[in-house]
């Protein structure tokens, strides 16, 4: 549910995210990759060598990534 909430914050742009499914019960999942990355909480963002866990606001992701796109507030 948390990953779904996070994707919803991106709207249609969620399809462009570098998303990896960790749940082995889901189609296309890659649980071994998640294990190697020590993912224990969802969602987990790995940005510029830093780990960010849990649902984040778009502003928090902007700050973490350095991305500065104009978007409606």
PDB file of N, CA and C in Angstrom:
ATOM      1  N   UNK A   1       0.797  -1.212   0.000  1.00  0.00           N
ATOM      2  CA  UNK A   1       0.000   0.000   0.000  1.00  0.00           C
ATOM      3  C   UNK A   1       0.843   1.282   0.000  1.00  0.00           C
ATOM      4  N   UNK A   2       1.974   1.279   0.704  1.00  0.00           N
ATOM      5  CA  UNK A   2       2.800   2.485   0.768  1.00  0.00           C
ATOM      6  C   UNK A   2       3.388   2.819  -0.598  1.00  0.00           C
ATOM      7  N   UNK A   3       3.804   1.811  -1.340  1.00  0.00           N
ATOM      8  CA  UNK A   3       4.346   2.078  -2.675  1.00  0.00           C
ATOM      9  C   UNK A   3       3.261   2.630  -3.598  1.00  0.00           C
ATOM     10  N   UNK A   4       2.052   2.123  -3.464  1.00  0.00           N
ATOM     11  CA  UNK A   4       0.935   2.645  -4.257  1.00  0.00           C
ATOM     12  C   UNK A   4       0.660   4.094  -3.919  1.00  0.00           C
ATOM     13  N   UNK A   5       0.720   4.433  -2.634  1.00  0.00           N
ATOM     14  CA  UNK A   5       0.528   5.823  -2.210  1.00  0.00           C
ATOM     15  C   UNK A   5       1.625   6.707  -2.797  1.00  0.00           C
ATOM     16  N   UNK A   6       2.877   6.224  -2.759  1.00  0.00           N
ATOM     17  CA  UNK A   6       3.985   7.013  -3.292  1.00  0.00           C
ATOM     18  C   UNK A   6       3.810   7.239  -4.788  1.00  0.00           C
ATOM     19  N   UNK A   7       3.464   6.174  -5.521  1.00  0.00           N
ATOM     20  CA  UNK A   7       3.267   6.312  -6.967  1.00  0.00           C
ATOM     21  C   UNK A   7       2.139   7.285  -7.278  1.00  0.00           C
ATOM     22  N   UNK A   8       1.088   7.273  -6.477  1.00  0.00           N
ATOM     23  CA  UNK A   8      -0.045   8.166  -6.716  1.00  0.00           C
ATOM     24  C   UNK A   8       0.379   9.624  -6.646  1.00  0.00           C
ATOM     25  N   UNK A   9       1.354   9.933  -5.834  1.00  0.00           N
ATOM     26  CA  UNK A   9       1.831  11.321  -5.727  1.00  0.00           C
ATOM     27  C   UNK A   9       2.481  11.802  -7.017  1.00  0.00           C
ATOM     28  N   UNK A  10       2.945  10.875  -7.836  1.00  0.00           N
ATOM     29  CA  UNK A  10       3.568  11.227  -9.112  1.00  0.00           C
ATOM     30  C   UNK A  10       2.567  11.287 -10.249  1.00  0.00           C
ATOM     31  N   UNK A  11       1.365  10.786 -10.022  1.00  0.00           N
ATOM     32  CA  UNK A  11       0.377  10.755 -11.096  1.00  0.00           C
ATOM     33  C   UNK A  11       0.886   9.932 -12.261  1.00  0.00           C
ATOM     34  N   UNK A  12       0.586  10.342 -13.500  1.00  0.00           N
ATOM     35  CA  UNK A  12       1.002   9.569 -14.667  1.00  0.00           C
ATOM     36  C   UNK A  12       2.525   9.438 -14.798  1.00  0.00           C
ATOM     37  N   UNK A  13       3.274  10.363 -14.199  1.00  0.00           N
ATOM     38  CA  UNK A  13       4.736  10.310 -14.280  1.00  0.00           C
ATOM     39  C   UNK A  13       5.313   9.121 -13.510  1.00  0.00           C
ATOM     40  N   UNK A  14       4.507   8.452 -12.691  1.00  0.00           N
ATOM     41  CA  UNK A  14       4.983   7.278 -11.951  1.00  0.00           C
ATOM     42  C   UNK A  14       5.506   6.205 -12.895  1.00  0.00           C
ATOM     43  N   UNK A  15       4.964   6.156 -14.106  1.00  0.00           N
ATOM     44  CA  UNK A  15       5.414   5.157 -15.078  1.00  0.00           C
ATOM     45  C   UNK A  15       6.876   5.373 -15.474  1.00  0.00           C
ATOM     46  N   UNK A  16       7.419   6.551 -15.208  1.00  0.00           N
ATOM     47  CA  UNK A  16       8.803   6.862 -15.568  1.00  0.00           C
ATOM     48  C   UNK A  16       9.790   6.579 -14.441  1.00  0.00           C
ATOM     49  N   UNK A  17       9.284   6.209 -13.268  1.00  0.00           N
ATOM     50  CA  UNK A  17      10.159   5.959 -12.121  1.00  0.00           C
ATOM     51  C   UNK A  17      10.947   4.669 -12.307  1.00  0.00           C
ATOM     52  N   UNK A  18      12.183   4.645 -11.804  1.00  0.00           N
ATOM     53  CA  UNK A  18      12.973   3.412 -11.858  1.00  0.00           C
ATOM     54  C   UNK A  18      12.536   2.471 -10.735  1.00  0.00           C
ATOM     55  N   UNK A  19      11.360   1.900 -10.878  1.00  0.00           N
ATOM     56  CA  UNK A  19      10.713   1.121  -9.833  1.00  0.00           C
ATOM     57  C   UNK A  19      11.143  -0.342  -9.882  1.00  0.00           C
ATOM     58  N   UNK A  20      11.438  -0.902  -8.724  1.00  0.00           N
ATOM     59  CA  UNK A  20      11.741  -2.328  -8.604  1.00  0.00           C
ATOM     60  C   UNK A  20      10.739  -2.920  -7.623  1.00  0.00           C
ATOM     61  N   UNK A  21      10.004  -3.925  -8.063  1.00  0.00           N
ATOM     62  CA  UNK A  21       9.041  -4.600  -7.191  1.00  0.00           C
ATOM     63  C   UNK A  21       9.776  -5.620  -6.331  1.00  0.00           C
ATOM     64  N   UNK A  22       9.578  -5.559  -5.020  1.00  0.00           N
ATOM     65  CA  UNK A  22      10.265  -6.463  -4.090  1.00  0.00           C
ATOM     66  C   UNK A  22       9.410  -7.647  -3.657  1.00  0.00           C
ATOM     67  N   UNK A  23       8.109  -7.535  -3.762  1.00  0.00           N
ATOM     68  CA  UNK A  23       7.216  -8.592  -3.297  1.00  0.00           C
ATOM     69  C   UNK A  23       7.238  -9.758  -4.288  1.00  0.00           C
ATOM     70  N   UNK A  24       7.790 -10.886  -3.850  1.00  0.00           N
ATOM     71  CA  UNK A  24       7.938 -12.055  -4.727  1.00  0.00           C
ATOM     72  C   UNK A  24       6.612 -12.550  -5.283  1.00  0.00           C
ATOM     73  N   UNK A  25       5.504 -12.181  -4.664  1.00  0.00           N
ATOM     74  CA  UNK A  25       4.184 -12.614  -5.144  1.00  0.00           C
ATOM     75  C   UNK A  25       3.688 -11.768  -6.313  1.00  0.00           C
ATOM     76  N   UNK A  26       4.361 -10.670  -6.577  1.00  0.00           N
ATOM     77  CA  UNK A  26       3.923  -9.757  -7.641  1.00  0.00           C
ATOM     78  C   UNK A  26       4.605 -10.090  -8.962  1.00  0.00           C
ATOM     79  N   UNK A  27       3.891  -9.882 -10.073  1.00  0.00           N
ATOM     80  CA  UNK A  27       4.496 -10.113 -11.388  1.00  0.00           C
ATOM     81  C   UNK A  27       5.707  -9.202 -11.597  1.00  0.00           C
ATOM     82  N   UNK A  28       6.758  -9.752 -12.154  1.00  0.00           N
ATOM     83  CA  UNK A  28       7.944  -8.960 -12.461  1.00  0.00           C
ATOM     84  C   UNK A  28       8.801  -8.610 -11.259  1.00  0.00           C
ATOM     85  N   UNK A  29       8.547  -9.219 -10.130  1.00  0.00           N
ATOM     86  CA  UNK A  29       9.293  -8.904  -8.907  1.00  0.00           C
ATOM     87  C   UNK A  29      10.746  -9.346  -9.017  1.00  0.00           C
ATOM     88  N   UNK A  30      11.610  -8.642  -8.282  1.00  0.00           N
ATOM     89  CA  UNK A  30      13.037  -8.970  -8.233  1.00  0.00           C
ATOM     90  C   UNK A  30      13.489  -8.956  -6.772  1.00  0.00           C
ATOM     91  N   UNK A  31      12.976  -9.897  -5.968  1.00  0.00           N
ATOM     92  CA  UNK A  31      13.292  -9.884  -4.537  1.00  0.00           C
ATOM     93  C   UNK A  31      14.784 -10.036  -4.239  1.00  0.00           C
ATOM     94  N   UNK A  32      15.520 -10.724  -5.091  1.00  0.00           N
ATOM     95  CA  UNK A  32      16.961 -10.876  -4.861  1.00  0.00           C
ATOM     96  C   UNK A  32      17.657  -9.517  -4.934  1.00  0.00           C
ATOM     97  N   UNK A  33      17.242  -8.696  -5.877  1.00  0.00           N
ATOM     98  CA  UNK A  33      17.820  -7.347  -5.993  1.00  0.00           C
ATOM     99  C   UNK A  33      17.508  -6.531  -4.741  1.00  0.00           C
ATOM    100  N   UNK A  34      16.298  -6.667  -4.245  1.00  0.00           N
ATOM    101  CA  UNK A  34      15.902  -5.951  -3.029  1.00  0.00           C
ATOM    102  C   UNK A  34      16.708  -6.440  -1.827  1.00  0.00           C
ATOM    103  N   UNK A  35      16.946  -7.740  -1.752  1.00  0.00           N
ATOM    104  CA  UNK A  35      17.771  -8.287  -0.674  1.00  0.00           C
ATOM    105  C   UNK A  35      19.192  -7.732  -0.742  1.00  0.00           C
ATOM    106  N   UNK A  36      19.761  -7.690  -1.942  1.00  0.00           N
ATOM    107  CA  UNK A  36      21.127  -7.156  -2.105  1.00  0.00           C
ATOM    108  C   UNK A  36      21.208  -5.699  -1.671  1.00  0.00           C
ATOM    109  N   UNK A  37      20.131  -4.949  -1.891  1.00  0.00           N
ATOM    110  CA  UNK A  37      20.102  -3.527  -1.517  1.00  0.00           C
ATOM    111  C   UNK A  37      19.653  -3.330  -0.068  1.00  0.00           C
ATOM    112  N   UNK A  38      19.399  -4.429   0.639  1.00  0.00           N
ATOM    113  CA  UNK A  38      18.960  -4.392   2.043  1.00  0.00           C
ATOM    114  C   UNK A  38      17.684  -3.570   2.230  1.00  0.00           C
ATOM    115  N   UNK A  39      16.743  -3.719   1.293  1.00  0.00           N
ATOM    116  CA  UNK A  39      15.460  -3.030   1.402  1.00  0.00           C
ATOM    117  C   UNK A  39      14.636  -3.727   2.483  1.00  0.00           C
ATOM    118  N   UNK A  40      14.252  -2.963   3.498  1.00  0.00           N
ATOM    119  CA  UNK A  40      13.482  -3.510   4.610  1.00  0.00           C
ATOM    120  C   UNK A  40      12.178  -2.755   4.841  1.00  0.00           C
ATOM    121  N   UNK A  41      12.045  -1.594   4.234  1.00  0.00           N
ATOM    122  CA  UNK A  41      10.868  -0.752   4.399  1.00  0.00           C
ATOM    123  C   UNK A  41      10.468  -0.227   3.034  1.00  0.00           C
ATOM    124  N   UNK A  42       9.171  -0.049   2.838  1.00  0.00           N
ATOM    125  CA  UNK A  42       8.677   0.352   1.515  1.00  0.00           C
ATOM    126  C   UNK A  42       7.967   1.688   1.583  1.00  0.00           C
ATOM    127  N   UNK A  43       8.129   2.507   0.573  1.00  0.00           N
ATOM    128  CA  UNK A  43       9.164   2.396  -0.447  1.00  0.00           C
ATOM    129  C   UNK A  43      10.537   2.772   0.121  1.00  0.00           C
ATOM    130  N   UNK A  44      11.558   2.308  -0.546  1.00  0.00           N
ATOM    131  CA  UNK A  44      12.931   2.710  -0.233  1.00  0.00           C
ATOM    132  C   UNK A  44      13.492   3.383  -1.464  1.00  0.00           C
ATOM    133  N   UNK A  45      13.988   4.583  -1.270  1.00  0.00           N
ATOM    134  CA  UNK A  45      14.618   5.352  -2.348  1.00  0.00           C
ATOM    135  C   UNK A  45      16.117   5.337  -2.112  1.00  0.00           C
ATOM    136  N   UNK A  46      16.887   4.996  -3.137  1.00  0.00           N
ATOM    137  CA  UNK A  46      18.342   5.083  -3.088  1.00  0.00           C
ATOM    138  C   UNK A  46      18.737   6.191  -4.048  1.00  0.00           C
ATOM    139  N   UNK A  47      19.128   7.332  -3.475  1.00  0.00           N
ATOM    140  CA  UNK A  47      19.403   8.529  -4.276  1.00  0.00           C
ATOM    141  C   UNK A  47      20.781   9.050  -3.919  1.00  0.00           C
ATOM    142  N   UNK A  48      21.652   9.094  -4.911  1.00  0.00           N
ATOM    143  CA  UNK A  48      23.002   9.647  -4.738  1.00  0.00           C
ATOM    144  C   UNK A  48      23.716   9.032  -3.534  1.00  0.00           C
ATOM    145  N   UNK A  49      23.577   7.726  -3.380  1.00  0.00           N
ATOM    146  CA  UNK A  49      24.255   7.019  -2.305  1.00  0.00           C
ATOM    147  C   UNK A  49      23.589   7.099  -0.947  1.00  0.00           C
ATOM    148  N   UNK A  50      22.460   7.807  -0.855  1.00  0.00           N
ATOM    149  CA  UNK A  50      21.742   7.930   0.414  1.00  0.00           C
ATOM    150  C   UNK A  50      20.457   7.113   0.357  1.00  0.00           C
ATOM    151  N   UNK A  51      20.070   6.577   1.504  1.00  0.00           N
ATOM    152  CA  UNK A  51      18.852   5.778   1.621  1.00  0.00           C
ATOM    153  C   UNK A  51      17.760   6.633   2.256  1.00  0.00           C
ATOM    154  N   UNK A  52      16.580   6.623   1.636  1.00  0.00           N
ATOM    155  CA  UNK A  52      15.405   7.334   2.139  1.00  0.00           C
ATOM    156  C   UNK A  52      14.281   6.308   2.195  1.00  0.00           C
ATOM    157  N   UNK A  53      13.703   6.108   3.377  1.00  0.00           N
ATOM    158  CA  UNK A  53      12.691   5.077   3.542  1.00  0.00           C
ATOM    159  C   UNK A  53      11.336   5.670   3.885  1.00  0.00           C
ATOM    160  N   UNK A  54      10.300   5.019   3.392  1.00  0.00           N
ATOM    161  CA  UNK A  54       8.942   5.452   3.664  1.00  0.00           C
ATOM    162  C   UNK A  54       8.426   6.381   2.580  1.00  0.00           C
ATOM    163  N   UNK A  55       7.134   6.666   2.654  1.00  0.00           N
ATOM    164  CA  UNK A  55       6.496   7.559   1.683  1.00  0.00           C
ATOM    165  C   UNK A  55       7.015   8.973   1.916  1.00  0.00           C
ATOM    166  N   UNK A  56       7.499   9.608   0.862  1.00  0.00           N
ATOM    167  CA  UNK A  56       8.043  10.957   0.937  1.00  0.00           C
ATOM    168  C   UNK A  56       7.181  11.915   0.122  1.00  0.00           C
ATOM    169  N   UNK A  57       7.182  13.153   0.524  1.00  0.00           N
ATOM    170  CA  UNK A  57       6.501  14.169  -0.276  1.00  0.00           C
ATOM    171  C   UNK A  57       7.348  14.449  -1.515  1.00  0.00           C
ATOM    172  N   UNK A  58       6.732  15.058  -2.507  1.00  0.00           N
ATOM    173  CA  UNK A  58       7.499  15.424  -3.700  1.00  0.00           C
ATOM    174  C   UNK A  58       8.567  16.458  -3.353  1.00  0.00           C
ATOM    175  N   UNK A  59       8.285  17.331  -2.396  1.00  0.00           N
ATOM    176  CA  UNK A  59       9.289  18.307  -1.967  1.00  0.00           C
ATOM    177  C   UNK A  59      10.496  17.608  -1.332  1.00  0.00           C
ATOM    178  N   UNK A  60      10.246  16.576  -0.514  1.00  0.00           N
ATOM    179  CA  UNK A  60      11.350  15.827   0.087  1.00  0.00           C
ATOM    180  C   UNK A  60      12.189  15.130  -0.983  1.00  0.00           C
ATOM    181  N   UNK A  61      11.522  14.584  -1.984  1.00  0.00           N
ATOM    182  CA  UNK A  61      12.249  13.940  -3.074  1.00  0.00           C
ATOM    183  C   UNK A  61      13.018  14.959  -3.906  1.00  0.00           C
ATOM    184  N   UNK A  62      12.437  16.141  -4.117  1.00  0.00           N
ATOM    185  CA  UNK A  62      13.152  17.216  -4.811  1.00  0.00           C
ATOM    186  C   UNK A  62      14.470  17.517  -4.104  1.00  0.00           C
ATOM    187  N   UNK A  63      14.386  17.706  -2.787  1.00  0.00           N
ATOM    188  CA  UNK A  63      15.595  18.048  -2.010  1.00  0.00           C
ATOM    189  C   UNK A  63      16.617  16.916  -2.050  1.00  0.00           C
ATOM    190  N   UNK A  64      16.159  15.690  -1.900  1.00  0.00           N
ATOM    191  CA  UNK A  64      17.073  14.546  -1.875  1.00  0.00           C
ATOM    192  C   UNK A  64      17.781  14.352  -3.213  1.00  0.00           C
ATOM    193  N   UNK A  65      17.065  14.606  -4.313  1.00  0.00           N
ATOM    194  CA  UNK A  65      17.607  14.343  -5.633  1.00  0.00           C
ATOM    195  C   UNK A  65      18.243  15.554  -6.299  1.00  0.00           C
ATOM    196  N   UNK A  66      17.905  16.740  -5.823  1.00  0.00           N
ATOM    197  CA  UNK A  66      18.380  17.952  -6.481  1.00  0.00           C
ATOM    198  C   UNK A  66      17.565  18.312  -7.708  1.00  0.00           C
ATOM    199  N   UNK A  67      16.456  17.622  -7.938  1.00  0.00           N
ATOM    200  CA  UNK A  67      15.592  17.865  -9.095  1.00  0.00           C
ATOM    201  C   UNK A  67      14.764  19.115  -8.847  1.00  0.00           C
ATOM    202  N   UNK A  68      14.691  19.970  -9.855  1.00  0.00           N
ATOM    203  CA  UNK A  68      13.952  21.223  -9.674  1.00  0.00           C
ATOM    204  C   UNK A  68      13.042  21.485 -10.887  1.00  0.00           C
ATOM    205  N   UNK A  69      12.027  20.692 -11.044  1.00  0.00           N
ATOM    206  CA  UNK A  69      11.065  20.905 -12.131  1.00  0.00           C
ATOM    207  C   UNK A  69       9.933  21.775 -11.618  1.00  0.00           C
ATOM    208  N   UNK A  70       9.435  22.616 -12.486  1.00  0.00           N
ATOM    209  CA  UNK A  70       8.268  23.418 -12.121  1.00  0.00           C
ATOM    210  C   UNK A  70       7.050  22.513 -12.114  1.00  0.00           C
ATOM    211  N   UNK A  71       6.243  22.634 -11.081  1.00  0.00           N
ATOM    212  CA  UNK A  71       4.995  21.868 -11.022  1.00  0.00           C
ATOM    213  C   UNK A  71       3.994  22.675 -10.206  1.00  0.00           C
ATOM    214  N   UNK A  72       2.737  22.453 -10.452  1.00  0.00           N
ATOM    215  CA  UNK A  72       1.716  23.198  -9.689  1.00  0.00           C
ATOM    216  C   UNK A  72       1.797  22.868  -8.204  1.00  0.00           C
ATOM    217  N   UNK A  73       1.568  23.847  -7.396  1.00  0.00           N
ATOM    218  CA  UNK A  73       1.603  23.654  -5.936  1.00  0.00           C
ATOM    219  C   UNK A  73       0.231  23.760  -5.380  1.00  0.00           C
TER     220      UNK A  73
END
